[in-house]
Amino acid sequence: MSDHYRKLEAMYHGSNVNDHVPGELSIREGEATLEIPVDEEYHHALGAVHGSLYFKALDDAAFFAANSLVEDVFVLTTDFNLYLERPVSEGTITAEGQVLNDNPSQLIAGAVATDDEGNELARGTGTFRKSDVELTEDIGYALD
């Protein structure tokens, strides 16, 4: 297991937004998996999860797959296309992210979200670029 991956996971879990949307992230080389339990507080008026939760799951999984290949700086999402396919109202959303293309100017990563039965809920693809922000302890990039 790479310390880089564990530090990225710690950075994710220490982020303030994840106090409101708890999930479990695991990172491997060029890949990331995010599991988010579905809660009624994420439902829209028709009783299913709002699309913003799909976006968060897919963007986070693709983002951390991309950042797994960049060990010195934080990457930034510059574009993300989302396709909503099926509603879900309970269980867990599992987003699997994978780097599709790694080149010097940008990374392209995609993610697919499924429910507990393996049904595809949504998919997305994004482009990510290296920022000028170094991966340091003050942004949560550290081992406990």
N, C-alpha and C. Protein backbone atom coordinates (compact mmCIF):
# COMPACT_ATOMS: atom_id res chain seq x y z
N MET A 1 0.84 -1.20 0.00
CA MET A 1 0.00 0.00 0.00
C MET A 1 0.88 1.24 0.00
N SER A 2 0.50 2.15 -0.80
CA SER A 2 1.27 3.38 -0.94
C SER A 2 0.87 4.40 0.13
N ASP A 3 1.88 5.01 0.76
CA ASP A 3 1.59 6.10 1.70
C ASP A 3 0.85 7.24 1.00
N HIS A 4 1.17 7.48 -0.27
CA HIS A 4 0.50 8.53 -1.03
C HIS A 4 -1.00 8.29 -1.06
N TYR A 5 -1.42 7.08 -1.33
CA TYR A 5 -2.85 6.77 -1.38
C TYR A 5 -3.51 6.96 -0.01
N ARG A 6 -2.85 6.49 1.04
CA ARG A 6 -3.41 6.64 2.39
C ARG A 6 -3.50 8.12 2.79
N LYS A 7 -2.52 8.92 2.39
CA LYS A 7 -2.57 10.36 2.69
C LYS A 7 -3.71 11.04 1.93
N LEU A 8 -3.93 10.65 0.68
CA LEU A 8 -5.06 11.20 -0.08
C LEU A 8 -6.38 10.80 0.58
N GLU A 9 -6.48 9.55 1.04
CA GLU A 9 -7.70 9.12 1.73
C GLU A 9 -7.92 9.93 3.00
N ALA A 10 -6.84 10.19 3.75
CA ALA A 10 -6.96 11.00 4.98
C ALA A 10 -7.40 12.42 4.64
N MET A 11 -6.88 12.97 3.56
CA MET A 11 -7.26 14.31 3.12
C MET A 11 -8.76 14.35 2.79
N TYR A 12 -9.23 13.33 2.08
CA TYR A 12 -10.65 13.24 1.75
C TYR A 12 -11.51 13.16 3.01
N HIS A 13 -11.16 12.23 3.91
CA HIS A 13 -11.99 12.02 5.10
C HIS A 13 -11.94 13.20 6.06
N GLY A 14 -10.89 14.02 6.00
CA GLY A 14 -10.78 15.19 6.87
C GLY A 14 -11.43 16.44 6.31
N SER A 15 -11.94 16.36 5.09
CA SER A 15 -12.53 17.53 4.43
C SER A 15 -13.88 17.87 5.06
N ASN A 16 -14.15 19.16 5.25
CA ASN A 16 -15.38 19.60 5.91
C ASN A 16 -16.65 19.12 5.22
N VAL A 17 -16.67 19.11 3.88
CA VAL A 17 -17.89 18.72 3.18
C VAL A 17 -18.28 17.29 3.50
N ASN A 18 -17.30 16.47 3.83
CA ASN A 18 -17.61 15.07 4.11
C ASN A 18 -18.17 14.85 5.51
N ASP A 19 -18.24 15.91 6.31
CA ASP A 19 -18.99 15.84 7.57
C ASP A 19 -20.49 15.74 7.26
N HIS A 20 -20.90 16.29 6.11
CA HIS A 20 -22.31 16.32 5.72
C HIS A 20 -22.68 15.16 4.79
N VAL A 21 -21.68 14.66 4.07
CA VAL A 21 -21.89 13.55 3.14
C VAL A 21 -20.82 12.51 3.43
N PRO A 22 -21.04 11.70 4.47
CA PRO A 22 -20.02 10.72 4.83
C PRO A 22 -19.91 9.61 3.78
N GLY A 23 -18.69 9.19 3.56
CA GLY A 23 -18.45 8.11 2.62
C GLY A 23 -17.15 7.42 2.97
N GLU A 24 -16.89 6.31 2.33
CA GLU A 24 -15.66 5.56 2.56
C GLU A 24 -14.90 5.48 1.24
N LEU A 25 -13.69 6.05 1.24
CA LEU A 25 -12.87 6.12 0.04
C LEU A 25 -11.69 5.18 0.15
N SER A 26 -11.41 4.46 -0.94
CA SER A 26 -10.19 3.66 -1.02
C SER A 26 -9.55 3.94 -2.37
N ILE A 27 -8.21 4.07 -2.36
CA ILE A 27 -7.46 4.48 -3.54
C ILE A 27 -6.41 3.43 -3.88
N ARG A 28 -6.28 3.20 -5.18
CA ARG A 28 -5.23 2.34 -5.74
C ARG A 28 -4.61 3.10 -6.90
N GLU A 29 -3.59 2.58 -7.51
CA GLU A 29 -2.93 3.27 -8.61
C GLU A 29 -3.90 3.46 -9.79
N GLY A 30 -4.22 4.73 -10.06
CA GLY A 30 -5.09 5.06 -11.18
C GLY A 30 -6.55 4.72 -10.96
N GLU A 31 -6.93 4.35 -9.73
CA GLU A 31 -8.30 3.95 -9.43
C GLU A 31 -8.71 4.42 -8.04
N ALA A 32 -10.00 4.61 -7.85
CA ALA A 32 -10.54 4.93 -6.53
C ALA A 32 -11.96 4.42 -6.44
N THR A 33 -12.35 4.01 -5.24
CA THR A 33 -13.72 3.56 -4.97
C THR A 33 -14.27 4.39 -3.82
N LEU A 34 -15.47 4.93 -4.02
CA LEU A 34 -16.13 5.69 -2.98
C LEU A 34 -17.51 5.08 -2.74
N GLU A 35 -17.78 4.77 -1.47
CA GLU A 35 -19.08 4.24 -1.07
C GLU A 35 -19.77 5.28 -0.19
N ILE A 36 -20.97 5.70 -0.62
CA ILE A 36 -21.75 6.69 0.13
C ILE A 36 -23.09 6.07 0.50
N PRO A 37 -23.38 5.95 1.80
CA PRO A 37 -24.69 5.43 2.20
C PRO A 37 -25.78 6.44 1.85
N VAL A 38 -26.87 5.94 1.31
CA VAL A 38 -27.99 6.80 0.94
C VAL A 38 -28.80 7.10 2.20
N ASP A 39 -29.14 8.37 2.36
CA ASP A 39 -29.93 8.82 3.51
C ASP A 39 -31.08 9.66 2.98
N GLU A 40 -32.20 9.64 3.66
CA GLU A 40 -33.37 10.42 3.22
C GLU A 40 -33.07 11.91 3.11
N GLU A 41 -32.08 12.42 3.85
CA GLU A 41 -31.78 13.85 3.77
C GLU A 41 -31.24 14.24 2.39
N TYR A 42 -30.86 13.27 1.56
CA TYR A 42 -30.39 13.54 0.19
C TYR A 42 -31.50 13.39 -0.84
N HIS A 43 -32.73 13.09 -0.40
CA HIS A 43 -33.84 12.86 -1.33
C HIS A 43 -34.41 14.18 -1.85
N HIS A 44 -34.86 14.14 -3.11
CA HIS A 44 -35.64 15.25 -3.65
C HIS A 44 -37.12 14.96 -3.40
N ALA A 45 -38.01 15.78 -3.95
CA ALA A 45 -39.44 15.69 -3.65
C ALA A 45 -40.06 14.35 -4.03
N LEU A 46 -39.47 13.63 -4.99
CA LEU A 46 -40.04 12.35 -5.41
C LEU A 46 -39.48 11.16 -4.64
N GLY A 47 -38.64 11.42 -3.63
CA GLY A 47 -38.17 10.36 -2.75
C GLY A 47 -36.96 9.60 -3.22
N ALA A 48 -36.25 10.12 -4.20
CA ALA A 48 -35.00 9.50 -4.65
C ALA A 48 -33.85 10.48 -4.40
N VAL A 49 -32.63 9.99 -4.52
CA VAL A 49 -31.45 10.81 -4.27
C VAL A 49 -31.34 11.92 -5.32
N HIS A 50 -31.04 13.11 -4.86
CA HIS A 50 -30.81 14.25 -5.75
C HIS A 50 -29.55 14.01 -6.58
N GLY A 51 -29.55 14.48 -7.80
CA GLY A 51 -28.42 14.28 -8.71
C GLY A 51 -27.10 14.84 -8.21
N SER A 52 -27.16 15.80 -7.30
CA SER A 52 -25.92 16.36 -6.77
C SER A 52 -25.11 15.31 -6.01
N LEU A 53 -25.77 14.32 -5.42
CA LEU A 53 -25.04 13.26 -4.72
C LEU A 53 -24.36 12.33 -5.72
N TYR A 54 -25.02 12.07 -6.84
CA TYR A 54 -24.37 11.30 -7.90
C TYR A 54 -23.11 12.04 -8.38
N PHE A 55 -23.28 13.34 -8.61
CA PHE A 55 -22.13 14.13 -9.07
C PHE A 55 -20.98 14.04 -8.07
N LYS A 56 -21.27 14.24 -6.80
CA LYS A 56 -20.22 14.20 -5.79
C LYS A 56 -19.51 12.84 -5.79
N ALA A 57 -20.27 11.77 -5.82
CA ALA A 57 -19.68 10.43 -5.80
C ALA A 57 -18.79 10.20 -7.01
N LEU A 58 -19.29 10.56 -8.20
CA LEU A 58 -18.54 10.32 -9.43
C LEU A 58 -17.32 11.22 -9.54
N ASP A 59 -17.49 12.51 -9.25
CA ASP A 59 -16.37 13.44 -9.33
C ASP A 59 -15.29 13.07 -8.33
N ASP A 60 -15.67 12.74 -7.11
CA ASP A 60 -14.67 12.36 -6.09
C ASP A 60 -13.92 11.10 -6.50
N ALA A 61 -14.63 10.09 -6.99
CA ALA A 61 -13.96 8.85 -7.39
C ALA A 61 -13.01 9.09 -8.56
N ALA A 62 -13.43 9.85 -9.56
CA ALA A 62 -12.56 10.14 -10.71
C ALA A 62 -11.40 11.04 -10.28
N PHE A 63 -11.69 12.05 -9.46
CA PHE A 63 -10.66 12.97 -8.97
C PHE A 63 -9.54 12.22 -8.25
N PHE A 64 -9.91 11.36 -7.30
CA PHE A 64 -8.88 10.68 -6.52
C PHE A 64 -8.17 9.59 -7.33
N ALA A 65 -8.83 9.03 -8.32
CA ALA A 65 -8.12 8.15 -9.24
C ALA A 65 -7.03 8.94 -9.95
N ALA A 66 -7.36 10.15 -10.41
CA ALA A 66 -6.39 11.01 -11.09
C ALA A 66 -5.28 11.44 -10.14
N ASN A 67 -5.64 11.90 -8.94
CA ASN A 67 -4.60 12.39 -8.02
C ASN A 67 -3.71 11.26 -7.50
N SER A 68 -4.17 10.02 -7.63
CA SER A 68 -3.31 8.90 -7.22
C SER A 68 -2.05 8.83 -8.07
N LEU A 69 -2.10 9.37 -9.28
CA LEU A 69 -0.94 9.35 -10.17
C LEU A 69 -0.08 10.60 -10.06
N VAL A 70 -0.52 11.57 -9.26
CA VAL A 70 0.20 12.84 -9.08
C VAL A 70 0.57 12.95 -7.61
N GLU A 71 1.85 12.83 -7.30
CA GLU A 71 2.28 12.75 -5.90
C GLU A 71 2.77 14.06 -5.31
N ASP A 72 2.87 15.12 -6.10
CA ASP A 72 3.44 16.35 -5.56
C ASP A 72 2.42 17.47 -5.36
N VAL A 73 1.38 17.53 -6.20
CA VAL A 73 0.41 18.62 -6.11
C VAL A 73 -1.01 18.08 -6.18
N PHE A 74 -1.94 18.93 -5.75
CA PHE A 74 -3.38 18.70 -5.81
C PHE A 74 -3.82 18.85 -7.26
N VAL A 75 -4.67 17.96 -7.74
CA VAL A 75 -5.24 18.16 -9.08
C VAL A 75 -6.57 18.89 -8.96
N LEU A 76 -7.00 19.50 -10.04
CA LEU A 76 -8.25 20.24 -10.08
C LEU A 76 -9.16 19.67 -11.16
N THR A 77 -10.45 19.58 -10.85
CA THR A 77 -11.42 19.20 -11.86
C THR A 77 -11.63 20.41 -12.76
N THR A 78 -11.41 20.25 -14.07
CA THR A 78 -11.62 21.36 -15.00
C THR A 78 -12.89 21.17 -15.82
N ASP A 79 -13.38 19.95 -15.89
CA ASP A 79 -14.59 19.66 -16.65
C ASP A 79 -15.12 18.31 -16.15
N PHE A 80 -16.44 18.18 -16.08
CA PHE A 80 -17.00 16.89 -15.70
C PHE A 80 -18.37 16.74 -16.35
N ASN A 81 -18.54 15.67 -17.10
CA ASN A 81 -19.82 15.36 -17.76
C ASN A 81 -20.49 14.23 -17.00
N LEU A 82 -21.77 14.41 -16.72
CA LEU A 82 -22.51 13.48 -15.89
C LEU A 82 -23.73 12.97 -16.65
N TYR A 83 -23.95 11.66 -16.57
CA TYR A 83 -25.12 11.03 -17.17
C TYR A 83 -25.89 10.30 -16.08
N LEU A 84 -27.09 10.80 -15.76
CA LEU A 84 -27.94 10.17 -14.75
C LEU A 84 -28.77 9.10 -15.45
N GLU A 85 -28.78 7.88 -14.89
CA GLU A 85 -29.42 6.78 -15.58
C GLU A 85 -30.58 6.14 -14.82
N ARG A 86 -30.49 6.13 -13.50
CA ARG A 86 -31.49 5.39 -12.73
C ARG A 86 -31.57 5.99 -11.33
N PRO A 87 -32.78 6.12 -10.78
CA PRO A 87 -32.91 6.65 -9.42
C PRO A 87 -32.59 5.60 -8.37
N VAL A 88 -32.20 6.07 -7.21
CA VAL A 88 -31.99 5.21 -6.05
C VAL A 88 -32.50 5.96 -4.82
N SER A 89 -33.06 5.23 -3.86
CA SER A 89 -33.60 5.89 -2.66
C SER A 89 -33.09 5.27 -1.37
N GLU A 90 -32.38 4.16 -1.47
CA GLU A 90 -31.85 3.52 -0.26
C GLU A 90 -30.61 2.70 -0.62
N GLY A 91 -29.92 2.25 0.41
CA GLY A 91 -28.74 1.42 0.20
C GLY A 91 -27.47 2.25 0.14
N THR A 92 -26.58 1.86 -0.76
CA THR A 92 -25.28 2.52 -0.90
C THR A 92 -25.02 2.82 -2.37
N ILE A 93 -24.49 4.01 -2.62
CA ILE A 93 -23.99 4.34 -3.95
C ILE A 93 -22.50 4.02 -3.94
N THR A 94 -22.06 3.17 -4.86
CA THR A 94 -20.65 2.85 -5.00
C THR A 94 -20.15 3.41 -6.31
N ALA A 95 -19.19 4.33 -6.23
CA ALA A 95 -18.61 4.93 -7.43
C ALA A 95 -17.20 4.40 -7.62
N GLU A 96 -16.95 3.85 -8.79
CA GLU A 96 -15.64 3.31 -9.15
C GLU A 96 -15.01 4.25 -10.17
N GLY A 97 -13.89 4.87 -9.79
CA GLY A 97 -13.20 5.79 -10.69
C GLY A 97 -11.94 5.16 -11.26
N GLN A 98 -11.60 5.56 -12.50
CA GLN A 98 -10.42 5.02 -13.16
C GLN A 98 -9.85 6.07 -14.12
N VAL A 99 -8.52 6.19 -14.12
CA VAL A 99 -7.86 7.08 -15.07
C VAL A 99 -7.93 6.44 -16.46
N LEU A 100 -8.37 7.22 -17.41
CA LEU A 100 -8.50 6.74 -18.79
C LEU A 100 -7.34 7.20 -19.66
N ASN A 101 -6.77 8.37 -19.33
CA ASN A 101 -5.67 8.92 -20.10
C ASN A 101 -4.85 9.82 -19.20
N ASP A 102 -3.55 9.60 -19.17
CA ASP A 102 -2.62 10.39 -18.35
C ASP A 102 -1.60 11.00 -19.30
N ASN A 103 -1.66 12.32 -19.47
CA ASN A 103 -0.64 12.98 -20.28
C ASN A 103 -0.13 14.21 -19.54
N PRO A 104 0.94 14.84 -20.00
CA PRO A 104 1.56 15.92 -19.23
C PRO A 104 0.66 17.11 -18.92
N SER A 105 -0.30 17.43 -19.78
CA SER A 105 -1.10 18.63 -19.55
C SER A 105 -2.40 18.36 -18.80
N GLN A 106 -2.90 17.13 -18.86
CA GLN A 106 -4.14 16.83 -18.16
C GLN A 106 -4.31 15.32 -17.99
N LEU A 107 -5.20 14.97 -17.07
CA LEU A 107 -5.59 13.58 -16.90
C LEU A 107 -7.08 13.49 -17.22
N ILE A 108 -7.49 12.40 -17.81
CA ILE A 108 -8.90 12.15 -18.06
C ILE A 108 -9.26 10.92 -17.24
N ALA A 109 -10.33 11.05 -16.45
CA ALA A 109 -10.76 9.94 -15.60
C ALA A 109 -12.27 9.81 -15.69
N GLY A 110 -12.74 8.59 -15.56
CA GLY A 110 -14.16 8.33 -15.57
C GLY A 110 -14.57 7.58 -14.33
N ALA A 111 -15.88 7.56 -14.07
CA ALA A 111 -16.40 6.83 -12.92
C ALA A 111 -17.80 6.32 -13.25
N VAL A 112 -18.14 5.20 -12.64
CA VAL A 112 -19.46 4.60 -12.78
C VAL A 112 -20.01 4.37 -11.38
N ALA A 113 -21.27 4.77 -11.16
CA ALA A 113 -21.93 4.58 -9.86
C ALA A 113 -22.96 3.47 -9.99
N THR A 114 -22.94 2.57 -9.00
CA THR A 114 -23.90 1.46 -8.98
C THR A 114 -24.59 1.40 -7.63
N ASP A 115 -25.72 0.68 -7.60
CA ASP A 115 -26.43 0.45 -6.35
C ASP A 115 -26.00 -0.88 -5.74
N ASP A 116 -26.65 -1.28 -4.67
CA ASP A 116 -26.28 -2.52 -3.97
C ASP A 116 -26.48 -3.78 -4.82
N GLU A 117 -27.35 -3.71 -5.82
CA GLU A 117 -27.58 -4.86 -6.70
C GLU A 117 -26.70 -4.84 -7.94
N GLY A 118 -25.84 -3.83 -8.05
CA GLY A 118 -24.97 -3.73 -9.22
C GLY A 118 -25.59 -3.00 -10.40
N ASN A 119 -26.77 -2.43 -10.22
CA ASN A 119 -27.40 -1.66 -11.29
C ASN A 119 -26.66 -0.35 -11.48
N GLU A 120 -26.40 0.00 -12.72
CA GLU A 120 -25.71 1.27 -13.00
C GLU A 120 -26.67 2.42 -12.78
N LEU A 121 -26.26 3.39 -11.95
CA LEU A 121 -27.08 4.55 -11.61
C LEU A 121 -26.70 5.77 -12.43
N ALA A 122 -25.40 5.95 -12.64
CA ALA A 122 -24.90 7.13 -13.34
C ALA A 122 -23.46 6.88 -13.74
N ARG A 123 -22.99 7.69 -14.69
CA ARG A 123 -21.58 7.63 -15.07
C ARG A 123 -21.13 9.03 -15.42
N GLY A 124 -19.84 9.24 -15.32
CA GLY A 124 -19.31 10.55 -15.64
C GLY A 124 -17.86 10.46 -16.06
N THR A 125 -17.42 11.48 -16.79
CA THR A 125 -16.04 11.58 -17.24
C THR A 125 -15.58 13.00 -17.02
N GLY A 126 -14.36 13.16 -16.53
CA GLY A 126 -13.84 14.49 -16.28
C GLY A 126 -12.41 14.67 -16.73
N THR A 127 -12.02 15.92 -16.85
CA THR A 127 -10.62 16.25 -17.09
C THR A 127 -10.08 16.93 -15.84
N PHE A 128 -8.84 16.63 -15.55
CA PHE A 128 -8.19 17.11 -14.34
C PHE A 128 -6.81 17.64 -14.71
N ARG A 129 -6.41 18.74 -14.07
CA ARG A 129 -5.08 19.27 -14.33
C ARG A 129 -4.36 19.49 -13.01
N LYS A 130 -3.05 19.51 -13.09
CA LYS A 130 -2.24 19.76 -11.90
C LYS A 130 -2.39 21.23 -11.50
N SER A 131 -2.50 21.46 -10.19
CA SER A 131 -2.56 22.82 -9.66
C SER A 131 -1.17 23.22 -9.16
N ASP A 132 -1.09 24.40 -8.59
CA ASP A 132 0.14 24.87 -7.96
C ASP A 132 0.15 24.58 -6.45
N VAL A 133 -0.90 23.92 -5.96
CA VAL A 133 -1.03 23.65 -4.53
C VAL A 133 -0.33 22.35 -4.19
N GLU A 134 0.72 22.44 -3.40
CA GLU A 134 1.46 21.25 -3.01
C GLU A 134 0.65 20.40 -2.03
N LEU A 135 0.86 19.11 -2.11
CA LEU A 135 0.23 18.18 -1.17
C LEU A 135 1.05 18.23 0.12
N THR A 136 0.48 18.86 1.15
CA THR A 136 1.16 19.05 2.42
C THR A 136 0.21 18.72 3.58
N GLU A 137 0.78 18.61 4.76
CA GLU A 137 -0.01 18.30 5.95
C GLU A 137 -1.07 19.35 6.22
N ASP A 138 -0.82 20.63 5.90
CA ASP A 138 -1.79 21.68 6.24
C ASP A 138 -3.08 21.59 5.42
N ILE A 139 -3.12 20.77 4.37
CA ILE A 139 -4.39 20.54 3.67
C ILE A 139 -4.92 19.13 3.96
N GLY A 140 -4.33 18.49 4.97
CA GLY A 140 -4.81 17.18 5.41
C GLY A 140 -4.11 16.00 4.78
N TYR A 141 -3.10 16.27 3.97
CA TYR A 141 -2.35 15.20 3.31
C TYR A 141 -1.30 14.69 4.29
N ALA A 142 -1.72 13.75 5.14
CA ALA A 142 -0.83 13.23 6.20
C ALA A 142 -1.38 11.91 6.70
N LEU A 143 -0.49 11.11 7.24
CA LEU A 143 -0.91 9.88 7.90
C LEU A 143 -1.16 10.19 9.36
N ASP A 144 -2.14 9.50 9.94
CA ASP A 144 -2.45 9.74 11.37
C ASP A 144 -1.30 9.36 12.26
